[in-house]
Amino acid sequence: MLDIFLRTLPFFAIIGLGYWAGRSRFFSEEATASLTKFVFYFPLSAMIFRFAANMSFSEIFDPRLILGYLLGTMAVYVLTTLVALLRRLDMQTAAVEAQCAAIGNVGFLGLPMMVLLFGPASVGPMMLILSVDLVVFSSLIVVLINVGRGSGFGGDTLRLVGRGLLQNPMILSICAGLIWSALALPIPTPANAFLALLGDAATPGALFAIGASLASKSAERVQIASWLSFAKLVLHPAAVALCLLLLIPVDPYAAAVAIAASALPVAGNVYMLAQHYGVAPHRASAAILLSTTLSILTLPMVIAWVSVLTLP
């Protein structure tokens, strides 16, 4: 446990440095937005494409892992939605709360951390998890918000979902990398060096951007944020563990990576979606801030537990 805590601590230290930079206004909100955009479109995309292009489709695709992770995540999503509706919240707000409970910071925090802790082979499971989050749940929140506003599940909503998927550089990078791999095309040495150099900026840049963005997050609605953080940091990994270890057993290594990924704090793009649609942005903001802070302790605990449980 202590060893894992010490190995994850540098990641949170960089997040803390970013938080200081944002809080002290050394990094303005505009600078943070620009850094986040740079990391999202360039280093992170380069890292994902390079990983995918150097792996075979068979190394990445695991239908049982997809099904188990999807089932566990959907269980938490539905539970959080029902709790929200029982509190007489509207569908749009319930959708934002469910997104907080189910979607972790896989791209910016999870990918680099899992590669360090579990090795390069963790990239395959992480790409599947990232794809499920982006394709299924990032689409689902758009649908639920539009349905809740009376727009219905029509052509406009579907076009909105499709445009969002086609404009997401993470999805495009995964698809492009898998196509490159399927065609068995070698990456020229200069191009591979370029991708490696650019991709190396993803980890520190993403972590710093997470911290700087947290500086502008509010700590309001602590009671709600506590419930959503509990759902994300405890219920989500527990549900995924139940599915992948008992209901739909998968390779222990893949299960360990997926369960650890499920224990990641709330993703920053939940706040971006909430702010874009004008639905409970302060609620999402508080959940991101609190879950990220608590995950300094909870994430190493889950990783230590799952490592003992599933790995030799």
Protein backbone atom coordinates (compact mmCIF):
# COMPACT_ATOMS: atom_id res chain seq x y z
CA MET A 1 0.00 0.00 0.00
CA LEU A 2 2.75 2.47 0.98
CA ASP A 3 4.74 1.61 -2.16
CA ILE A 4 1.74 2.28 -4.40
CA PHE A 5 0.96 5.50 -2.54
CA LEU A 6 4.52 6.72 -3.07
CA ARG A 7 4.38 5.80 -6.77
CA THR A 8 1.13 7.69 -7.31
CA LEU A 9 2.20 10.66 -5.19
CA PRO A 10 4.25 12.38 -7.97
CA PHE A 11 1.13 12.44 -10.16
CA PHE A 12 -0.85 14.22 -7.47
CA ALA A 13 2.13 16.46 -6.69
CA ILE A 14 2.05 17.79 -10.27
CA ILE A 15 -1.72 18.26 -9.94
CA GLY A 16 -1.02 20.18 -6.72
CA LEU A 17 1.56 22.33 -8.50
CA GLY A 18 -0.99 23.14 -11.19
CA TYR A 19 -3.56 23.95 -8.51
CA TRP A 20 -1.11 26.38 -6.88
CA ALA A 21 -0.39 28.01 -10.25
CA GLY A 22 -4.10 28.48 -10.90
CA ARG A 23 -4.97 29.54 -7.38
CA SER A 24 -2.18 32.12 -7.20
CA ARG A 25 -3.20 33.40 -10.65
CA PHE A 26 0.29 32.63 -11.96
CA PHE A 27 -1.75 30.68 -14.50
CA SER A 28 -4.93 32.49 -15.54
CA GLU A 29 -8.12 30.64 -16.48
CA GLU A 30 -7.42 31.54 -20.11
CA ALA A 31 -3.92 30.03 -19.89
CA THR A 32 -5.36 26.89 -18.28
CA ALA A 33 -7.94 26.57 -21.05
CA SER A 34 -5.22 26.91 -23.68
CA LEU A 35 -2.99 24.33 -21.98
CA THR A 36 -5.91 21.90 -21.68
CA LYS A 37 -6.74 22.35 -25.36
CA PHE A 38 -3.10 21.81 -26.35
CA VAL A 39 -2.79 18.60 -24.32
CA PHE A 40 -6.16 17.30 -25.51
CA TYR A 41 -5.53 17.81 -29.23
CA PHE A 42 -1.78 17.23 -29.54
CA PRO A 43 0.30 15.31 -26.90
CA LEU A 44 -2.55 13.09 -25.70
CA SER A 45 -3.67 12.31 -29.24
CA ALA A 46 -0.08 11.53 -30.27
CA MET A 47 0.39 9.22 -27.28
CA ILE A 48 -2.88 7.35 -27.93
CA PHE A 49 -2.22 6.98 -31.66
CA ARG A 50 1.32 5.70 -31.06
CA PHE A 51 0.13 3.15 -28.50
CA ALA A 52 -2.71 1.93 -30.73
CA ALA A 53 -0.60 1.80 -33.90
CA ASN A 54 1.98 -0.41 -32.21
CA MET A 55 -0.58 -2.88 -30.86
CA SER A 56 -2.63 -5.45 -32.73
CA PHE A 57 -6.41 -5.31 -32.67
CA SER A 58 -6.48 -8.68 -30.89
CA GLU A 59 -4.32 -7.24 -28.08
CA ILE A 60 -6.85 -4.47 -27.48
CA PHE A 61 -10.30 -5.88 -28.24
CA ASP A 62 -11.85 -7.94 -25.43
CA PRO A 63 -15.66 -8.18 -25.64
CA ARG A 64 -15.98 -9.64 -22.12
CA LEU A 65 -14.05 -6.73 -20.64
CA ILE A 66 -16.23 -4.27 -22.57
CA LEU A 67 -19.41 -5.98 -21.39
CA GLY A 68 -18.29 -6.29 -17.77
CA TYR A 69 -17.10 -2.70 -17.51
CA LEU A 70 -20.21 -1.43 -19.29
CA LEU A 71 -22.51 -3.42 -16.99
CA GLY A 72 -20.77 -2.26 -13.79
CA THR A 73 -20.66 1.37 -14.90
CA MET A 74 -24.27 1.32 -16.06
CA ALA A 75 -25.34 -0.09 -12.68
CA VAL A 76 -23.79 2.90 -10.89
CA TYR A 77 -25.19 5.27 -13.53
CA VAL A 78 -28.73 3.93 -13.04
CA LEU A 79 -28.44 3.92 -9.23
CA THR A 80 -27.27 7.54 -9.14
CA THR A 81 -30.03 8.55 -11.56
CA LEU A 82 -32.69 6.89 -9.39
CA VAL A 83 -31.35 8.57 -6.24
CA ALA A 84 -31.48 11.93 -8.04
CA LEU A 85 -35.04 11.36 -9.26
CA LEU A 86 -36.14 10.31 -5.76
CA ARG A 87 -34.81 13.69 -4.60
CA ARG A 88 -37.17 15.21 -7.19
CA LEU A 89 -34.42 16.50 -9.45
CA ASP A 90 -35.17 16.97 -13.15
CA MET A 91 -33.80 14.58 -15.76
CA GLN A 92 -31.05 16.96 -16.88
CA THR A 93 -29.60 17.39 -13.38
CA ALA A 94 -29.96 13.65 -12.72
CA ALA A 95 -27.95 12.98 -15.89
CA VAL A 96 -25.12 15.27 -14.73
CA GLU A 97 -25.01 13.57 -11.31
CA ALA A 98 -24.96 10.12 -12.96
CA GLN A 99 -22.12 11.25 -15.21
CA CYS A 100 -20.15 12.38 -12.14
CA ALA A 101 -20.61 8.97 -10.52
CA ALA A 102 -19.65 6.92 -13.58
CA ILE A 103 -17.02 8.76 -15.64
CA GLY A 104 -13.47 9.02 -14.34
CA ASN A 105 -10.46 10.98 -15.55
CA VAL A 106 -9.23 8.16 -17.77
CA GLY A 107 -7.58 10.23 -20.51
CA PHE A 108 -5.62 12.85 -18.58
CA LEU A 109 -4.87 10.94 -15.37
CA GLY A 110 -5.66 7.26 -15.92
CA LEU A 111 -3.65 6.39 -19.02
CA PRO A 112 -0.26 7.67 -17.82
CA MET A 113 -0.77 6.44 -14.26
CA MET A 114 -1.83 2.90 -15.24
CA VAL A 115 1.10 2.57 -17.66
CA LEU A 116 3.46 3.44 -14.78
CA LEU A 117 1.77 1.13 -12.26
CA PHE A 118 0.72 -1.81 -14.45
CA GLY A 119 3.10 -1.54 -17.42
CA PRO A 120 2.58 -0.88 -21.17
CA ALA A 121 0.17 -3.83 -21.50
CA SER A 122 -2.40 -1.78 -19.57
CA VAL A 123 -2.89 0.43 -22.64
CA GLY A 124 -5.23 -2.11 -24.28
CA PRO A 125 -7.77 -2.29 -21.42
CA MET A 126 -7.49 1.46 -20.85
CA MET A 127 -8.35 2.19 -24.50
CA LEU A 128 -11.43 0.00 -24.24
CA ILE A 129 -12.52 1.79 -21.07
CA LEU A 130 -11.91 5.18 -22.64
CA SER A 131 -13.89 4.15 -25.73
CA VAL A 132 -16.87 2.96 -23.65
CA ASP A 133 -16.85 6.20 -21.63
CA LEU A 134 -16.67 8.40 -24.72
CA VAL A 135 -18.96 6.51 -27.07
CA VAL A 136 -21.64 5.28 -24.65
CA PHE A 137 -21.79 7.61 -21.67
CA SER A 138 -20.71 10.90 -23.25
CA SER A 139 -23.46 10.27 -25.82
CA LEU A 140 -25.97 9.22 -23.17
CA ILE A 141 -25.75 12.47 -21.20
CA VAL A 142 -26.39 14.50 -24.37
CA VAL A 143 -29.44 12.35 -25.16
CA LEU A 144 -30.83 12.57 -21.60
CA ILE A 145 -30.38 16.35 -21.39
CA ASN A 146 -32.12 16.86 -24.75
CA VAL A 147 -34.92 14.46 -23.85
CA GLY A 148 -35.34 16.18 -20.48
CA ARG A 149 -35.68 19.52 -22.25
CA GLY A 150 -38.37 18.14 -24.53
CA SER A 151 -36.24 17.92 -27.67
CA GLY A 152 -36.88 14.19 -27.88
CA PHE A 153 -34.69 11.46 -29.33
CA GLY A 154 -34.88 12.74 -32.88
CA GLY A 155 -32.57 13.51 -35.75
CA ASP A 156 -31.21 16.72 -34.22
CA THR A 157 -30.14 14.88 -31.07
CA LEU A 158 -28.54 12.07 -33.05
CA ARG A 159 -26.66 14.54 -35.24
CA LEU A 160 -25.44 16.33 -32.11
CA VAL A 161 -24.18 13.05 -30.66
CA GLY A 162 -22.55 12.00 -33.94
CA ARG A 163 -20.82 15.34 -34.39
CA GLY A 164 -19.49 15.18 -30.84
CA LEU A 165 -18.01 11.72 -31.44
CA LEU A 166 -16.44 12.65 -34.78
CA GLN A 167 -14.86 15.78 -33.30
CA ASN A 168 -13.32 14.02 -30.30
CA PRO A 169 -9.55 13.65 -30.87
CA MET A 170 -9.30 10.70 -28.45
CA ILE A 171 -11.77 8.63 -30.47
CA LEU A 172 -10.14 9.69 -33.73
CA SER A 173 -6.67 8.80 -32.39
CA ILE A 174 -7.78 5.35 -31.24
CA CYS A 175 -9.50 4.61 -34.57
CA ALA A 176 -6.60 5.93 -36.65
CA GLY A 177 -4.09 3.93 -34.61
CA LEU A 178 -6.07 0.69 -34.92
CA ILE A 179 -6.47 1.19 -38.67
CA TRP A 180 -2.72 1.78 -38.98
CA SER A 181 -2.09 -1.36 -36.94
CA ALA A 182 -4.58 -3.45 -38.95
CA LEU A 183 -2.85 -2.44 -42.18
CA ALA A 184 0.45 -3.60 -40.64
CA LEU A 185 2.11 -0.35 -41.61
CA PRO A 186 5.40 0.43 -39.86
CA ILE A 187 5.72 3.90 -38.37
CA PRO A 188 8.77 5.54 -39.98
CA THR A 189 11.54 6.15 -37.45
CA PRO A 190 11.40 9.98 -37.65
CA ALA A 191 7.59 9.90 -37.32
CA ASN A 192 7.77 7.51 -34.37
CA ALA A 193 10.35 9.75 -32.67
CA PHE A 194 8.10 12.76 -33.31
CA LEU A 195 5.07 11.00 -31.79
CA ALA A 196 7.11 9.82 -28.80
CA LEU A 197 8.52 13.30 -28.15
CA LEU A 198 5.13 14.97 -28.46
CA GLY A 199 3.40 12.22 -26.47
CA ASP A 200 5.87 12.60 -23.60
CA ALA A 201 4.37 16.03 -22.96
CA ALA A 202 0.95 14.47 -22.33
CA THR A 203 1.52 13.26 -18.78
CA PRO A 204 2.99 16.39 -17.09
CA GLY A 205 0.87 18.71 -19.23
CA ALA A 206 -2.36 16.86 -18.48
CA LEU A 207 -1.67 16.62 -14.74
CA PHE A 208 -0.72 20.30 -14.50
CA ALA A 209 -3.86 21.23 -16.46
CA ILE A 210 -6.02 19.15 -14.09
CA GLY A 211 -4.62 21.00 -11.09
CA ALA A 212 -4.88 24.44 -12.66
CA SER A 213 -8.49 23.78 -13.66
CA LEU A 214 -9.33 22.64 -10.11
CA ALA A 215 -8.30 26.09 -8.83
CA SER A 216 -11.40 27.57 -10.43
CA LYS A 217 -13.71 24.85 -9.13
CA SER A 218 -16.09 25.63 -6.30
CA ALA A 219 -16.48 23.67 -3.07
CA GLU A 220 -20.22 24.41 -2.84
CA ARG A 221 -22.84 21.69 -2.32
CA VAL A 222 -20.46 19.61 -0.18
CA GLN A 223 -23.16 17.12 0.83
CA ILE A 224 -24.05 16.34 -2.78
CA ALA A 225 -20.39 16.30 -3.80
CA SER A 226 -19.66 13.84 -0.98
CA TRP A 227 -22.36 11.45 -2.24
CA LEU A 228 -21.15 11.70 -5.84
CA SER A 229 -17.51 11.24 -4.77
CA PHE A 230 -18.49 8.15 -2.76
CA ALA A 231 -20.33 6.77 -5.78
CA LYS A 232 -17.35 7.41 -8.06
CA LEU A 233 -14.49 6.37 -5.79
CA VAL A 234 -16.15 3.46 -3.98
CA LEU A 235 -19.34 2.24 -5.66
CA HIS A 236 -18.00 2.38 -9.21
CA PRO A 237 -14.88 0.23 -8.65
CA ALA A 238 -16.94 -2.13 -6.45
CA ALA A 239 -19.55 -2.61 -9.18
CA VAL A 240 -16.93 -3.14 -11.88
CA ALA A 241 -15.05 -5.59 -9.64
CA LEU A 242 -18.26 -7.58 -9.05
CA CYS A 243 -18.86 -7.81 -12.80
CA LEU A 244 -15.30 -8.59 -13.93
CA LEU A 245 -14.37 -10.98 -11.11
CA LEU A 246 -17.66 -12.84 -10.59
CA LEU A 247 -20.39 -12.21 -13.16
CA ILE A 248 -18.30 -11.96 -16.35
CA PRO A 249 -14.80 -13.11 -15.36
CA VAL A 250 -11.95 -11.82 -17.52
CA ASP A 251 -8.17 -12.11 -17.47
CA PRO A 252 -7.02 -11.08 -13.95
CA TYR A 253 -4.57 -8.51 -15.32
CA ALA A 254 -7.22 -6.80 -17.46
CA ALA A 255 -9.66 -6.92 -14.53
CA ALA A 256 -7.09 -5.26 -12.24
CA VAL A 257 -6.50 -2.43 -14.70
CA ALA A 258 -10.23 -1.87 -15.29
CA ILE A 259 -11.10 -1.86 -11.58
CA ALA A 260 -8.25 0.55 -10.84
CA ALA A 261 -9.42 2.80 -13.68
CA SER A 262 -12.93 2.75 -12.22
CA ALA A 263 -11.55 4.26 -9.02
CA LEU A 264 -10.31 7.41 -10.78
CA PRO A 265 -11.86 10.74 -9.72
CA VAL A 266 -14.59 12.50 -11.69
CA ALA A 267 -13.51 13.57 -15.17
CA GLY A 268 -13.11 17.25 -15.96
CA ASN A 269 -15.19 16.98 -19.13
CA VAL A 270 -18.28 16.40 -16.96
CA TYR A 271 -17.99 20.01 -15.82
CA MET A 272 -17.44 21.15 -19.40
CA LEU A 273 -20.64 19.40 -20.52
CA ALA A 274 -22.59 20.72 -17.53
CA GLN A 275 -21.38 24.25 -18.19
CA HIS A 276 -22.08 23.96 -21.93
CA TYR A 277 -25.70 22.94 -21.35
CA GLY A 278 -26.16 25.15 -18.28
CA VAL A 279 -27.11 22.19 -16.09
CA ALA A 280 -25.72 22.00 -12.52
CA PRO A 281 -22.15 23.14 -13.29
CA HIS A 282 -21.46 23.97 -9.61
CA ARG A 283 -22.56 20.47 -8.63
CA ALA A 284 -20.14 18.92 -11.12
CA SER A 285 -17.40 21.37 -10.11
CA ALA A 286 -17.64 20.43 -6.43
CA ALA A 287 -17.68 16.68 -7.24
CA ILE A 288 -14.52 17.00 -9.35
CA LEU A 289 -12.68 18.99 -6.68
CA LEU A 290 -13.66 16.73 -3.78
CA SER A 291 -13.22 13.40 -5.61
CA THR A 292 -9.78 14.41 -6.91
CA THR A 293 -8.67 15.40 -3.41
CA LEU A 294 -10.00 12.21 -1.81
CA SER A 295 -8.53 10.01 -4.55
CA ILE A 296 -5.02 10.79 -3.29
CA LEU A 297 -5.84 8.21 -0.59
CA THR A 298 -8.63 6.09 -2.08
CA LEU A 299 -7.01 5.34 -5.45
CA PRO A 300 -3.82 3.74 -3.98
CA MET A 301 -6.05 1.71 -1.63
CA VAL A 302 -8.10 0.31 -4.53
CA ILE A 303 -4.98 -0.40 -6.60
CA ALA A 304 -3.31 -2.17 -3.66
CA TRP A 305 -6.46 -4.24 -3.00
CA VAL A 306 -6.99 -5.23 -6.61
CA SER A 307 -3.30 -6.04 -7.10
CA VAL A 308 -3.36 -8.51 -4.21
CA LEU A 309 -6.67 -9.94 -5.35
CA THR A 310 -5.99 -10.47 -9.05
CA LEU A 311 -2.25 -10.37 -9.75
CA PRO A 312 0.29 -13.10 -8.95
